[in-house]
Structures are given as C-alpha cells and as structure tokens.
Amino acid sequence: MCAARTGILVLTAVILMASVGLADVISPPTDDAAINMRDPDANAGFGDRMRVRNRIGHPSHPENWQSDGLVRFELCSTPRGSTVESATLYLYYFLYTDISPGGRDLSCFRITDDWDESTVTWNTRPTLAPARTSGCVVPPIYGWMSWDVTVDVRAFVDGVEENHGWQLVDEVPFGGFDIPTVYLCSKEYGSSAPHLEIEWMQTPVASSTWSKIKALFR
C-alpha cells in the first residue's frame, strides 16, 4: 500500500515539476528615441520614427553624420527563475531617404547604462556593450525587421545584466554620396510599434496542490 502511494507521489511530482512553455509579446516599449550626430543636443524621444544612418560618406562630403535608434521594454511579465528559450526584437521599416538601404546590415547593441526618452541626445547617449548582439539585413521592400536578442534577455531575466534596452546602428562605412537612411516606426506610430517576442519555460509548483498530496500520507 505504501509502495503504491509512493508511486502516486512521484508521478504527481513529475507532472507538477514539468516545464511549461510560454510566450510573451511585449509592446509598446517603455522608451524609444532617435539620436542624431548632426543635432547633438536635440532630443527626439516623442516622434513617430527612429532614424538609422551610417556616418561615413564620400571623403569630399563635408556633412558626414550618424543617426541611431534606441529602444527599451519592461520585462516584468517574464519572471526571474524562468528559462528564456528565445527573444526577438521587431521594428517596422517603413521609409528610406537617398539611396535604397536594401542589403545594409543594421547592428543591435545592448545598452549598458540608463537613459530616458525625454532627455537623451547624441551628446548624452548611453554606453554600449563592446560587441553587437546581432544584426539584421534591411529588406528590399518595407516590412518588419528582426534581431535575435536571446542572449541579452536571458541575462536580464537572470539578473546578470541590467535591462537598458538596445541601440540600432548602421556600422558599415558607406563611403559614398547620398548615405541611405532607414526609418523605423517608434511607439508613437501606433499599430506598427516596436515589440519584443519572448519564448520561455517555467517550472511551476503549486503549494496548494502539494498540501493536498501531503494530506494523503497523514
């Protein structure tokens, strides 16, 4: 009789401890902004777009300048102790100026210190991790772009790194006239706002259920 009950207990424990796969889509971001080397003291945290542009133009061109986009999400829906299986950052590419940026590789860098969309400028921009998290090639037509940020979100959830979001940068020197500029929707754009998709696993243990199991052996 005891052996049978022990078997029930073990089986129930296995069921309760089985990891549960979950997914979160987090939108809109808490903060997003554009910073512009050409206007280093200007704040652009409430516009409907983020602009990404490489700074290296033709050697004879006197107005070389860079633009980057910043974005951050609140991760409270993904609890500590969960296992992040994947995390993907999505931004909608809806416009370009000058030459088409199709084929350009835009880098996503983890931001390493605090910033606020209402005050951040080029001159007050936050610091970045030394190596990019991932890249995404600009498509030939407008649409969603995505960056794999699994390693960063895993570090945020595990408490290894603080969550300050990401900066989007066109790193590759263009070296010519009419540097292509990519426009990405910000949260103010509405339905095409940036979003973060996280797939994670959790091992739930319901204390009330454990109490009921223990009662069987009293």
N, C-alpha and C. Protein backbone atom coordinates (compact mmCIF):
# COMPACT_ATOMS: atom_id res chain seq x y z
N MET A 1 0.82 -1.20 0.00
CA MET A 1 0.00 0.00 0.00
C MET A 1 0.86 1.25 0.00
N CYS A 2 1.90 1.26 0.87
CA CYS A 2 2.80 2.40 0.93
C CYS A 2 3.55 2.57 -0.39
N ALA A 3 3.97 1.41 -0.97
CA ALA A 3 4.70 1.48 -2.24
C ALA A 3 3.84 2.10 -3.32
N ALA A 4 2.55 1.71 -3.35
CA ALA A 4 1.64 2.27 -4.35
C ALA A 4 1.49 3.76 -4.16
N ARG A 5 1.32 4.20 -2.91
CA ARG A 5 1.16 5.62 -2.64
C ARG A 5 2.43 6.40 -3.00
N THR A 6 3.59 5.79 -2.73
CA THR A 6 4.84 6.44 -3.11
C THR A 6 4.91 6.65 -4.61
N GLY A 7 4.43 5.66 -5.35
CA GLY A 7 4.41 5.80 -6.80
C GLY A 7 3.53 6.94 -7.24
N ILE A 8 2.40 7.12 -6.59
CA ILE A 8 1.49 8.22 -6.92
C ILE A 8 2.16 9.55 -6.64
N LEU A 9 2.85 9.62 -5.52
CA LEU A 9 3.50 10.86 -5.14
C LEU A 9 4.57 11.24 -6.15
N VAL A 10 5.39 10.28 -6.56
CA VAL A 10 6.44 10.57 -7.52
C VAL A 10 5.86 11.02 -8.84
N LEU A 11 4.83 10.31 -9.32
CA LEU A 11 4.20 10.65 -10.58
C LEU A 11 3.62 12.05 -10.53
N THR A 12 2.93 12.37 -9.41
CA THR A 12 2.35 13.70 -9.29
C THR A 12 3.42 14.77 -9.28
N ALA A 13 4.52 14.49 -8.60
CA ALA A 13 5.62 15.46 -8.55
C ALA A 13 6.18 15.72 -9.93
N VAL A 14 6.32 14.67 -10.74
CA VAL A 14 6.83 14.84 -12.09
C VAL A 14 5.90 15.73 -12.90
N ILE A 15 4.59 15.53 -12.78
CA ILE A 15 3.63 16.34 -13.51
C ILE A 15 3.71 17.80 -13.09
N LEU A 16 3.81 18.03 -11.78
CA LEU A 16 3.84 19.40 -11.29
C LEU A 16 5.12 20.12 -11.65
N MET A 17 6.24 19.37 -11.73
CA MET A 17 7.52 19.99 -11.99
C MET A 17 7.83 20.12 -13.47
N ALA A 18 6.96 19.60 -14.34
CA ALA A 18 7.21 19.68 -15.78
C ALA A 18 7.24 21.14 -16.22
N SER A 19 8.23 21.50 -17.02
CA SER A 19 8.35 22.88 -17.50
C SER A 19 7.19 23.21 -18.44
N VAL A 20 6.72 24.43 -18.33
CA VAL A 20 5.61 24.89 -19.15
C VAL A 20 6.13 25.94 -20.12
N GLY A 21 5.90 25.72 -21.43
CA GLY A 21 6.33 26.68 -22.44
C GLY A 21 5.35 27.83 -22.55
N LEU A 22 5.86 29.06 -22.51
CA LEU A 22 5.04 30.25 -22.56
C LEU A 22 5.65 31.24 -23.54
N ALA A 23 4.83 32.18 -23.98
CA ALA A 23 5.31 33.21 -24.90
C ALA A 23 4.73 34.55 -24.51
N ASP A 24 5.54 35.58 -24.58
CA ASP A 24 5.11 36.94 -24.32
C ASP A 24 5.40 37.79 -25.55
N VAL A 25 4.47 38.66 -25.89
CA VAL A 25 4.71 39.70 -26.88
C VAL A 25 4.56 41.02 -26.15
N ILE A 26 5.66 41.73 -25.99
CA ILE A 26 5.67 42.95 -25.20
C ILE A 26 5.67 44.15 -26.14
N SER A 27 4.65 44.98 -26.02
CA SER A 27 4.52 46.17 -26.84
C SER A 27 3.50 47.10 -26.18
N PRO A 28 3.70 48.38 -26.23
CA PRO A 28 4.83 49.10 -26.83
C PRO A 28 6.01 49.12 -25.88
N PRO A 29 7.15 49.62 -26.35
CA PRO A 29 8.30 49.77 -25.46
C PRO A 29 8.04 50.87 -24.43
N THR A 30 8.76 50.83 -23.33
CA THR A 30 8.65 51.91 -22.35
C THR A 30 9.33 53.18 -22.85
N ASP A 31 10.40 53.01 -23.60
CA ASP A 31 11.16 54.15 -24.13
C ASP A 31 11.64 53.83 -25.54
N ASP A 32 11.57 54.82 -26.42
CA ASP A 32 12.31 54.75 -27.69
C ASP A 32 12.63 56.18 -28.13
N ALA A 33 13.71 56.31 -28.84
CA ALA A 33 14.16 57.65 -29.21
C ALA A 33 15.14 57.56 -30.37
N ALA A 34 15.34 58.69 -31.03
CA ALA A 34 16.36 58.82 -32.06
C ALA A 34 17.42 59.79 -31.57
N ILE A 35 18.68 59.50 -31.88
CA ILE A 35 19.77 60.43 -31.57
C ILE A 35 20.51 60.73 -32.87
N ASN A 36 20.96 61.97 -33.00
CA ASN A 36 21.45 62.46 -34.28
C ASN A 36 22.75 63.23 -34.07
N MET A 37 23.81 62.75 -34.67
CA MET A 37 25.12 63.40 -34.56
C MET A 37 25.09 64.82 -35.11
N ARG A 38 24.22 65.07 -36.08
CA ARG A 38 24.16 66.39 -36.70
C ARG A 38 23.53 67.42 -35.77
N ASP A 39 22.61 66.97 -34.90
CA ASP A 39 21.98 67.84 -33.90
C ASP A 39 22.26 67.24 -32.53
N PRO A 40 23.48 67.38 -32.02
CA PRO A 40 23.92 66.61 -30.87
C PRO A 40 23.22 66.93 -29.56
N ASP A 41 22.57 68.08 -29.47
CA ASP A 41 21.88 68.44 -28.23
C ASP A 41 20.35 68.34 -28.35
N ALA A 42 19.87 67.88 -29.48
CA ALA A 42 18.43 67.79 -29.70
C ALA A 42 17.88 66.47 -29.18
N ASN A 43 16.73 66.53 -28.50
CA ASN A 43 16.04 65.33 -28.05
C ASN A 43 14.94 64.98 -29.04
N ALA A 44 14.86 63.71 -29.41
CA ALA A 44 13.82 63.24 -30.33
C ALA A 44 13.19 61.98 -29.76
N GLY A 45 12.63 62.12 -28.56
CA GLY A 45 12.06 60.97 -27.89
C GLY A 45 10.57 60.80 -28.06
N PHE A 46 9.92 61.74 -28.74
CA PHE A 46 8.46 61.67 -28.85
C PHE A 46 7.98 61.71 -30.30
N GLY A 47 8.89 61.53 -31.25
CA GLY A 47 8.49 61.46 -32.64
C GLY A 47 7.98 60.08 -33.00
N ASP A 48 7.47 59.94 -34.21
CA ASP A 48 6.88 58.66 -34.61
C ASP A 48 7.86 57.77 -35.37
N ARG A 49 9.16 58.14 -35.35
CA ARG A 49 10.12 57.34 -36.11
C ARG A 49 11.51 57.39 -35.47
N MET A 50 12.28 56.33 -35.73
CA MET A 50 13.69 56.28 -35.37
C MET A 50 14.48 56.20 -36.67
N ARG A 51 15.52 56.99 -36.76
CA ARG A 51 16.31 57.08 -37.98
C ARG A 51 17.67 56.42 -37.74
N VAL A 52 18.09 55.57 -38.69
CA VAL A 52 19.38 54.88 -38.57
C VAL A 52 20.18 55.17 -39.84
N ARG A 53 21.39 55.73 -39.64
CA ARG A 53 22.21 56.17 -40.78
C ARG A 53 23.68 56.05 -40.41
N ASN A 54 24.48 55.54 -41.33
CA ASN A 54 25.93 55.46 -41.16
C ASN A 54 26.55 56.85 -41.28
N ARG A 55 27.68 57.06 -40.61
CA ARG A 55 28.29 58.39 -40.62
C ARG A 55 29.32 58.59 -41.74
N ILE A 56 29.80 57.50 -42.34
CA ILE A 56 30.93 57.62 -43.27
C ILE A 56 30.43 57.77 -44.70
N GLY A 57 30.49 58.99 -45.22
CA GLY A 57 30.10 59.25 -46.60
C GLY A 57 31.31 59.41 -47.50
N HIS A 58 31.12 60.10 -48.59
CA HIS A 58 32.22 60.34 -49.53
C HIS A 58 33.26 61.25 -48.87
N PRO A 59 34.55 60.98 -49.07
CA PRO A 59 35.60 61.79 -48.44
C PRO A 59 35.49 63.29 -48.70
N SER A 60 34.92 63.65 -49.83
CA SER A 60 34.82 65.08 -50.16
C SER A 60 33.56 65.73 -49.60
N HIS A 61 32.70 64.92 -48.98
CA HIS A 61 31.43 65.44 -48.47
C HIS A 61 31.64 65.99 -47.05
N PRO A 62 31.34 67.26 -46.81
CA PRO A 62 31.64 67.87 -45.51
C PRO A 62 30.64 67.57 -44.40
N GLU A 63 29.51 66.95 -44.71
CA GLU A 63 28.44 66.79 -43.71
C GLU A 63 28.20 65.32 -43.36
N ASN A 64 29.27 64.64 -43.03
CA ASN A 64 29.10 63.26 -42.57
C ASN A 64 28.51 63.27 -41.17
N TRP A 65 27.47 62.48 -40.94
CA TRP A 65 26.85 62.41 -39.62
C TRP A 65 26.10 61.09 -39.47
N GLN A 66 25.88 60.71 -38.22
CA GLN A 66 25.30 59.40 -37.88
C GLN A 66 23.98 59.59 -37.13
N SER A 67 23.05 58.67 -37.35
CA SER A 67 21.81 58.62 -36.58
C SER A 67 21.59 57.20 -36.08
N ASP A 68 21.13 57.08 -34.84
CA ASP A 68 20.86 55.77 -34.24
C ASP A 68 19.49 55.78 -33.58
N GLY A 69 18.93 54.60 -33.38
CA GLY A 69 17.67 54.45 -32.66
C GLY A 69 17.87 53.70 -31.36
N LEU A 70 17.13 54.08 -30.33
CA LEU A 70 17.21 53.42 -29.03
C LEU A 70 15.83 52.90 -28.64
N VAL A 71 15.80 51.73 -28.00
CA VAL A 71 14.51 51.15 -27.61
C VAL A 71 14.70 50.29 -26.36
N ARG A 72 13.69 50.33 -25.47
CA ARG A 72 13.75 49.55 -24.23
C ARG A 72 12.34 49.06 -23.87
N PHE A 73 12.25 47.84 -23.32
CA PHE A 73 10.99 47.23 -22.93
C PHE A 73 11.03 46.83 -21.45
N GLU A 74 9.87 46.89 -20.82
CA GLU A 74 9.73 46.38 -19.46
C GLU A 74 9.55 44.87 -19.52
N LEU A 75 10.31 44.13 -18.70
CA LEU A 75 10.29 42.66 -18.77
C LEU A 75 9.62 42.01 -17.57
N CYS A 76 8.73 42.71 -16.88
CA CYS A 76 8.14 42.17 -15.66
C CYS A 76 7.28 40.94 -15.91
N SER A 77 6.81 40.72 -17.14
CA SER A 77 5.97 39.56 -17.41
C SER A 77 6.77 38.27 -17.56
N THR A 78 8.10 38.39 -17.67
CA THR A 78 8.96 37.22 -17.72
C THR A 78 9.69 37.12 -16.39
N PRO A 79 9.24 36.23 -15.49
CA PRO A 79 9.74 36.24 -14.11
C PRO A 79 11.15 35.69 -13.96
N ARG A 80 11.82 36.13 -12.88
CA ARG A 80 13.11 35.56 -12.51
C ARG A 80 12.93 34.06 -12.27
N GLY A 81 13.92 33.29 -12.67
CA GLY A 81 13.85 31.85 -12.48
C GLY A 81 13.34 31.12 -13.71
N SER A 82 12.78 31.85 -14.68
CA SER A 82 12.34 31.21 -15.91
C SER A 82 13.54 31.05 -16.85
N THR A 83 13.39 30.17 -17.82
CA THR A 83 14.45 29.92 -18.80
C THR A 83 14.04 30.53 -20.13
N VAL A 84 14.78 31.52 -20.58
CA VAL A 84 14.47 32.17 -21.86
C VAL A 84 14.97 31.29 -23.00
N GLU A 85 14.04 30.82 -23.80
CA GLU A 85 14.38 29.98 -24.95
C GLU A 85 14.76 30.82 -26.16
N SER A 86 14.04 31.91 -26.37
CA SER A 86 14.36 32.80 -27.49
C SER A 86 13.76 34.17 -27.21
N ALA A 87 14.37 35.19 -27.79
CA ALA A 87 13.85 36.55 -27.68
C ALA A 87 14.19 37.28 -28.97
N THR A 88 13.20 37.93 -29.55
CA THR A 88 13.37 38.59 -30.84
C THR A 88 12.81 40.01 -30.77
N LEU A 89 13.63 40.95 -31.19
CA LEU A 89 13.22 42.36 -31.26
C LEU A 89 12.72 42.64 -32.67
N TYR A 90 11.52 43.24 -32.76
CA TYR A 90 10.92 43.56 -34.06
C TYR A 90 10.71 45.07 -34.18
N LEU A 91 11.15 45.63 -35.32
CA LEU A 91 10.89 47.02 -35.65
C LEU A 91 10.44 47.09 -37.10
N TYR A 92 9.51 48.01 -37.37
CA TYR A 92 8.95 48.09 -38.71
C TYR A 92 9.67 49.15 -39.54
N TYR A 93 10.24 48.71 -40.64
CA TYR A 93 10.92 49.58 -41.61
C TYR A 93 9.88 50.09 -42.60
N PHE A 94 9.68 51.44 -42.62
CA PHE A 94 8.58 51.97 -43.42
C PHE A 94 9.00 53.06 -44.41
N LEU A 95 10.27 53.48 -44.38
CA LEU A 95 10.67 54.59 -45.24
C LEU A 95 12.19 54.64 -45.34
N TYR A 96 12.68 55.13 -46.47
CA TYR A 96 14.10 55.45 -46.57
C TYR A 96 14.26 56.75 -47.35
N THR A 97 15.43 57.36 -47.18
CA THR A 97 15.76 58.54 -47.98
C THR A 97 17.12 58.32 -48.63
N ASP A 98 17.35 59.07 -49.71
CA ASP A 98 18.55 58.95 -50.53
C ASP A 98 18.58 57.57 -51.19
N ILE A 99 19.70 56.88 -51.20
CA ILE A 99 19.80 55.59 -51.87
C ILE A 99 19.09 54.51 -51.05
N SER A 100 18.51 53.52 -51.73
CA SER A 100 17.86 52.42 -51.02
C SER A 100 18.85 51.71 -50.10
N PRO A 101 18.45 51.46 -48.85
CA PRO A 101 19.33 50.76 -47.91
C PRO A 101 19.24 49.24 -48.01
N GLY A 102 18.49 48.72 -48.94
CA GLY A 102 18.33 47.28 -49.06
C GLY A 102 19.69 46.58 -49.09
N GLY A 103 19.86 45.58 -48.22
CA GLY A 103 21.13 44.86 -48.14
C GLY A 103 22.07 45.39 -47.07
N ARG A 104 21.78 46.57 -46.48
CA ARG A 104 22.60 47.09 -45.39
C ARG A 104 22.38 46.27 -44.12
N ASP A 105 23.43 46.02 -43.37
CA ASP A 105 23.35 45.22 -42.15
C ASP A 105 23.29 46.16 -40.95
N LEU A 106 22.13 46.24 -40.30
CA LEU A 106 21.98 47.10 -39.13
C LEU A 106 22.26 46.31 -37.86
N SER A 107 23.13 46.86 -37.02
CA SER A 107 23.56 46.18 -35.79
C SER A 107 22.70 46.58 -34.61
N CYS A 108 22.50 45.62 -33.72
CA CYS A 108 21.77 45.84 -32.47
C CYS A 108 22.77 45.67 -31.33
N PHE A 109 22.96 46.73 -30.54
CA PHE A 109 23.88 46.70 -29.41
C PHE A 109 23.12 46.78 -28.09
N ARG A 110 23.53 46.02 -27.11
CA ARG A 110 22.96 46.14 -25.77
C ARG A 110 23.46 47.43 -25.13
N ILE A 111 22.52 48.21 -24.59
CA ILE A 111 22.87 49.45 -23.89
C ILE A 111 23.26 49.10 -22.46
N THR A 112 24.32 49.73 -21.97
CA THR A 112 24.87 49.33 -20.68
C THR A 112 24.67 50.34 -19.55
N ASP A 113 24.05 51.48 -19.83
CA ASP A 113 23.70 52.36 -18.72
C ASP A 113 22.36 53.04 -18.99
N ASP A 114 21.87 53.77 -18.02
CA ASP A 114 20.49 54.26 -18.06
C ASP A 114 20.32 55.44 -19.02
N TRP A 115 19.11 55.60 -19.52
CA TRP A 115 18.76 56.71 -20.39
C TRP A 115 17.25 56.90 -20.31
N ASP A 116 16.80 58.03 -20.77
CA ASP A 116 15.37 58.34 -20.74
C ASP A 116 14.99 58.98 -22.06
N GLU A 117 13.86 58.53 -22.64
CA GLU A 117 13.49 59.04 -23.96
C GLU A 117 13.22 60.54 -23.97
N SER A 118 12.86 61.10 -22.85
CA SER A 118 12.51 62.53 -22.81
C SER A 118 13.73 63.44 -22.72
N THR A 119 14.91 62.87 -22.48
CA THR A 119 16.10 63.70 -22.31
C THR A 119 17.30 63.26 -23.15
N VAL A 120 17.32 62.05 -23.65
CA VAL A 120 18.51 61.55 -24.31
C VAL A 120 18.80 62.32 -25.60
N THR A 121 20.08 62.61 -25.83
CA THR A 121 20.55 63.27 -27.05
C THR A 121 21.81 62.55 -27.52
N TRP A 122 22.34 62.99 -28.63
CA TRP A 122 23.61 62.41 -29.09
C TRP A 122 24.70 62.63 -28.06
N ASN A 123 24.74 63.83 -27.49
CA ASN A 123 25.80 64.15 -26.53
C ASN A 123 25.63 63.45 -25.18
N THR A 124 24.42 63.00 -24.87
CA THR A 124 24.19 62.31 -23.60
C THR A 124 23.87 60.83 -23.81
N ARG A 125 24.16 60.31 -24.99
CA ARG A 125 23.81 58.93 -25.33
C ARG A 125 24.47 57.95 -24.36
N PRO A 126 23.80 56.84 -24.08
CA PRO A 126 24.34 55.84 -23.16
C PRO A 126 25.48 55.05 -23.78
N THR A 127 26.21 54.35 -22.94
CA THR A 127 27.29 53.49 -23.41
C THR A 127 26.73 52.16 -23.91
N LEU A 128 27.53 51.48 -24.71
CA LEU A 128 27.09 50.22 -25.33
C LEU A 128 28.06 49.09 -25.00
N ALA A 129 27.57 47.86 -25.10
CA ALA A 129 28.43 46.69 -24.99
C ALA A 129 29.46 46.74 -26.12
N PRO A 130 30.65 46.20 -25.91
CA PRO A 130 31.69 46.31 -26.93
C PRO A 130 31.40 45.56 -28.23
N ALA A 131 30.62 44.51 -28.15
CA ALA A 131 30.29 43.74 -29.35
C ALA A 131 28.78 43.77 -29.58
N ARG A 132 28.39 43.77 -30.81
CA ARG A 132 26.96 43.82 -31.10
C ARG A 132 26.29 42.52 -30.69
N THR A 133 25.01 42.60 -30.38
CA THR A 133 24.23 41.41 -30.03
C THR A 133 23.89 40.61 -31.27
N SER A 134 23.42 41.29 -32.32
CA SER A 134 23.06 40.62 -33.57
C SER A 134 22.89 41.67 -34.65
N GLY A 135 22.66 41.20 -35.86
CA GLY A 135 22.43 42.08 -36.98
C GLY A 135 21.20 41.67 -37.75
N CYS A 136 20.71 42.59 -38.57
CA CYS A 136 19.58 42.29 -39.46
C CYS A 136 19.77 43.07 -40.76
N VAL A 137 19.64 42.37 -41.86
CA VAL A 137 19.81 42.98 -43.17
C VAL A 137 18.52 43.69 -43.59
N VAL A 138 18.65 44.92 -44.02
CA VAL A 138 17.48 45.68 -44.47
C VAL A 138 16.89 45.01 -45.70
N PRO A 139 15.58 44.70 -45.69
CA PRO A 139 14.97 44.01 -46.84
C PRO A 139 14.82 44.96 -48.04
N PRO A 140 14.59 44.40 -49.22
CA PRO A 140 14.43 45.24 -50.42
C PRO A 140 13.12 46.01 -50.44
N ILE A 141 12.15 45.56 -49.65
CA ILE A 141 10.87 46.27 -49.57
C ILE A 141 10.55 46.54 -48.10
N TYR A 142 9.63 47.47 -47.86
CA TYR A 142 9.28 47.81 -46.48
C TYR A 142 8.65 46.61 -45.76
N GLY A 143 8.88 46.54 -44.46
CA GLY A 143 8.31 45.45 -43.68
C GLY A 143 9.01 45.32 -42.33
N TRP A 144 8.66 44.28 -41.61
CA TRP A 144 9.24 44.04 -40.29
C TRP A 144 10.69 43.58 -40.41
N MET A 145 11.53 44.11 -39.53
CA MET A 145 12.90 43.65 -39.37
C MET A 145 13.03 43.04 -37.97
N SER A 146 13.92 42.07 -37.82
CA SER A 146 14.02 41.39 -36.52
C SER A 146 15.47 41.13 -36.15
N TRP A 147 15.74 41.21 -34.85
CA TRP A 147 17.08 40.96 -34.30
C TRP A 147 16.96 39.93 -33.20
N ASP A 148 17.86 38.96 -33.20
CA ASP A 148 17.91 37.94 -32.15
C ASP A 148 18.58 38.55 -30.92
N VAL A 149 17.81 38.72 -29.85
CA VAL A 149 18.34 39.31 -28.61
C VAL A 149 18.23 38.32 -27.45
N THR A 150 18.24 37.04 -27.78
CA THR A 150 18.08 36.00 -26.75
C THR A 150 19.12 36.11 -25.66
N VAL A 151 20.38 36.26 -26.04
CA VAL A 151 21.46 36.28 -25.05
C VAL A 151 21.29 37.45 -24.08
N ASP A 152 20.81 38.60 -24.58
CA ASP A 152 20.62 39.76 -23.71
C ASP A 152 19.44 39.58 -22.77
N VAL A 153 18.30 39.15 -23.31
CA VAL A 153 17.11 38.98 -22.48
C VAL A 153 17.35 37.91 -21.42
N ARG A 154 18.07 36.86 -21.79
CA ARG A 154 18.41 35.83 -20.81
C ARG A 154 19.23 36.43 -19.66
N ALA A 155 20.17 37.30 -20.02
CA ALA A 155 20.99 37.96 -18.99
C ALA A 155 20.16 38.90 -18.13
N PHE A 156 19.19 39.59 -18.74
CA PHE A 156 18.31 40.48 -17.97
C PHE A 156 17.47 39.69 -16.97
N VAL A 157 16.86 38.62 -17.46
CA VAL A 157 15.97 37.81 -16.62
C VAL A 157 16.75 37.12 -15.50
N ASP A 158 17.98 36.70 -15.80
CA ASP A 158 18.81 36.02 -14.80
C ASP A 158 19.46 36.99 -13.83
N GLY A 159 19.34 38.29 -14.10
CA GLY A 159 19.94 39.28 -13.23
C GLY A 159 21.43 39.47 -13.44
N VAL A 160 21.96 38.95 -14.54
CA VAL A 160 23.39 39.09 -14.84
C VAL A 160 23.69 40.49 -15.37
N GLU A 161 22.77 41.04 -16.17
CA GLU A 161 22.91 42.39 -16.72
C GLU A 161 21.65 43.19 -16.42
N GLU A 162 21.80 44.51 -16.33
CA GLU A 162 20.64 45.37 -16.15
C GLU A 162 19.99 45.65 -17.50
N ASN A 163 18.68 45.74 -17.50
CA ASN A 163 17.93 45.97 -18.73
C ASN A 163 17.86 47.46 -19.06
N HIS A 164 18.69 47.86 -20.03
CA HIS A 164 18.63 49.24 -20.54
C HIS A 164 18.24 49.26 -22.02
N GLY A 165 17.89 48.10 -22.56
CA GLY A 165 17.44 48.05 -23.94
C GLY A 165 18.57 47.97 -24.94
N TRP A 166 18.29 48.47 -26.17
CA TRP A 166 19.21 48.31 -27.29
C TRP A 166 19.33 49.58 -28.12
N GLN A 167 20.44 49.66 -28.83
CA GLN A 167 20.66 50.76 -29.78
C GLN A 167 20.87 50.16 -31.17
N LEU A 168 20.20 50.72 -32.17
CA LEU A 168 20.31 50.25 -33.55
C LEU A 168 21.28 51.15 -34.29
N VAL A 169 22.29 50.54 -34.91
CA VAL A 169 23.39 51.28 -35.52
C VAL A 169 23.70 50.72 -36.90
N ASP A 170 23.95 51.61 -37.86
CA ASP A 170 24.48 51.21 -39.16
C ASP A 170 26.00 51.38 -39.09
N GLU A 171 26.70 50.29 -38.80
CA GLU A 171 28.14 50.34 -38.54
C GLU A 171 29.01 50.37 -39.79
N VAL A 172 28.57 49.77 -40.88
CA VAL A 172 29.43 49.54 -42.03
C VAL A 172 29.64 50.84 -42.79
N PRO A 173 30.89 51.29 -42.95
CA PRO A 173 31.14 52.55 -43.68
C PRO A 173 30.53 52.52 -45.08
N PHE A 174 29.79 53.59 -45.41
CA PHE A 174 29.15 53.64 -46.72
C PHE A 174 30.13 54.13 -47.77
N GLY A 175 30.84 55.21 -47.47
CA GLY A 175 31.92 55.67 -48.34
C GLY A 175 31.50 56.28 -49.65
N GLY A 176 30.28 56.82 -49.71
CA GLY A 176 29.84 57.44 -50.95
C GLY A 176 28.86 58.56 -50.68
N PHE A 177 28.35 59.15 -51.75
CA PHE A 177 27.35 60.20 -51.62
C PHE A 177 25.98 59.59 -51.30
N ASP A 178 25.07 60.43 -50.78
CA ASP A 178 23.69 60.02 -50.51
C ASP A 178 23.61 58.78 -49.62
N ILE A 179 24.15 58.89 -48.43
CA ILE A 179 24.13 57.77 -47.49
C ILE A 179 22.68 57.37 -47.22
N PRO A 180 22.32 56.09 -47.38
CA PRO A 180 20.93 55.68 -47.15
C PRO A 180 20.54 55.80 -45.69
N THR A 181 19.33 56.28 -45.48
CA THR A 181 18.78 56.43 -44.13
C THR A 181 17.55 55.54 -43.98
N VAL A 182 17.56 54.71 -42.94
CA VAL A 182 16.45 53.80 -42.65
C VAL A 182 15.56 54.43 -41.59
N TYR A 183 14.24 54.43 -41.82
CA TYR A 183 13.28 54.94 -40.85
C TYR A 183 12.48 53.77 -40.27
N LEU A 184 12.51 53.66 -38.95
CA LEU A 184 11.80 52.60 -38.24
C LEU A 184 10.71 53.22 -37.38
N CYS A 185 9.55 52.58 -37.30
CA CYS A 185 8.43 53.12 -36.53
C CYS A 185 8.76 53.11 -35.04
N SER A 186 8.42 54.18 -34.36
CA SER A 186 8.52 54.23 -32.91
C SER A 186 7.17 53.87 -32.31
N LYS A 187 7.08 53.88 -30.98
CA LYS A 187 5.82 53.53 -30.33
C LYS A 187 4.72 54.54 -30.64
N GLU A 188 5.12 55.78 -30.97
CA GLU A 188 4.12 56.80 -31.30
C GLU A 188 3.46 56.55 -32.65
N TYR A 189 4.02 55.63 -33.44
CA TYR A 189 3.45 55.36 -34.75
C TYR A 189 2.13 54.59 -34.66
N GLY A 190 1.95 53.83 -33.56
CA GLY A 190 0.68 53.11 -33.38
C GLY A 190 0.80 51.64 -33.63
N SER A 191 0.05 51.14 -34.60
CA SER A 191 -0.07 49.69 -34.81
C SER A 191 1.24 49.03 -35.21
N SER A 192 2.17 49.79 -35.73
CA SER A 192 3.46 49.22 -36.15
C SER A 192 4.57 49.52 -35.14
N ALA A 193 4.18 49.69 -33.88
CA ALA A 193 5.14 50.00 -32.83
C ALA A 193 6.11 48.84 -32.63
N PRO A 194 7.32 49.10 -32.15
CA PRO A 194 8.26 48.03 -31.86
C PRO A 194 7.68 47.04 -30.85
N HIS A 195 8.07 45.79 -30.99
CA HIS A 195 7.67 44.81 -29.99
C HIS A 195 8.77 43.78 -29.77
N LEU A 196 8.69 43.14 -28.62
CA LEU A 196 9.67 42.14 -28.21
C LEU A 196 8.93 40.84 -27.96
N GLU A 197 9.34 39.78 -28.64
CA GLU A 197 8.69 38.48 -28.50
C GLU A 197 9.63 37.53 -27.75
N ILE A 198 9.15 37.00 -26.63
CA ILE A 198 9.98 36.13 -25.79
C ILE A 198 9.29 34.78 -25.62
N GLU A 199 10.02 33.72 -25.86
CA GLU A 199 9.55 32.36 -25.55
C GLU A 199 10.36 31.86 -24.36
N TRP A 200 9.67 31.40 -23.32
CA TRP A 200 10.36 31.00 -22.10
C TRP A 200 9.69 29.81 -21.45
N MET A 201 10.43 29.16 -20.58
CA MET A 201 9.96 27.98 -19.87
C MET A 201 9.95 28.27 -18.38
N GLN A 202 8.94 27.78 -17.71
CA GLN A 202 8.86 27.94 -16.27
C GLN A 202 8.47 26.61 -15.63
N THR A 203 8.97 26.38 -14.42
CA THR A 203 8.65 25.17 -13.66
C THR A 203 7.77 25.56 -12.49
N PRO A 204 6.45 25.52 -12.66
CA PRO A 204 5.57 25.96 -11.59
C PRO A 204 5.37 24.87 -10.53
N VAL A 205 5.28 25.28 -9.28
CA VAL A 205 4.96 24.37 -8.19
C VAL A 205 3.84 25.00 -7.38
N ALA A 206 2.67 24.43 -7.42
CA ALA A 206 1.52 25.00 -6.71
C ALA A 206 1.53 24.49 -5.27
N SER A 207 1.71 25.39 -4.32
CA SER A 207 1.79 24.98 -2.91
C SER A 207 0.49 24.36 -2.43
N SER A 208 -0.65 24.83 -2.94
CA SER A 208 -1.92 24.27 -2.51
C SER A 208 -2.05 22.82 -2.95
N THR A 209 -1.53 22.51 -4.15
CA THR A 209 -1.58 21.14 -4.65
C THR A 209 -0.65 20.24 -3.85
N TRP A 210 0.53 20.75 -3.49
CA TRP A 210 1.44 19.97 -2.66
C TRP A 210 0.80 19.66 -1.31
N SER A 211 0.05 20.61 -0.77
CA SER A 211 -0.60 20.38 0.53
C SER A 211 -1.61 19.24 0.44
N LYS A 212 -2.33 19.20 -0.67
CA LYS A 212 -3.31 18.13 -0.86
C LYS A 212 -2.62 16.77 -0.97
N ILE A 213 -1.48 16.74 -1.65
CA ILE A 213 -0.75 15.48 -1.78
C ILE A 213 -0.24 15.00 -0.44
N LYS A 214 0.32 15.93 0.35
CA LYS A 214 0.84 15.56 1.65
C LYS A 214 -0.27 15.02 2.57
N ALA A 215 -1.49 15.55 2.38
CA ALA A 215 -2.60 15.12 3.23
C ALA A 215 -2.91 13.63 3.03
N LEU A 216 -2.57 13.10 1.86
CA LEU A 216 -2.83 11.68 1.61
C LEU A 216 -1.99 10.78 2.50
N PHE A 217 -0.89 11.29 3.04
CA PHE A 217 0.03 10.45 3.79
C PHE A 217 -0.03 10.73 5.29
N ARG A 218 -0.97 11.52 5.72
CA ARG A 218 -1.10 11.79 7.17
C ARG A 218 -1.81 10.64 7.86
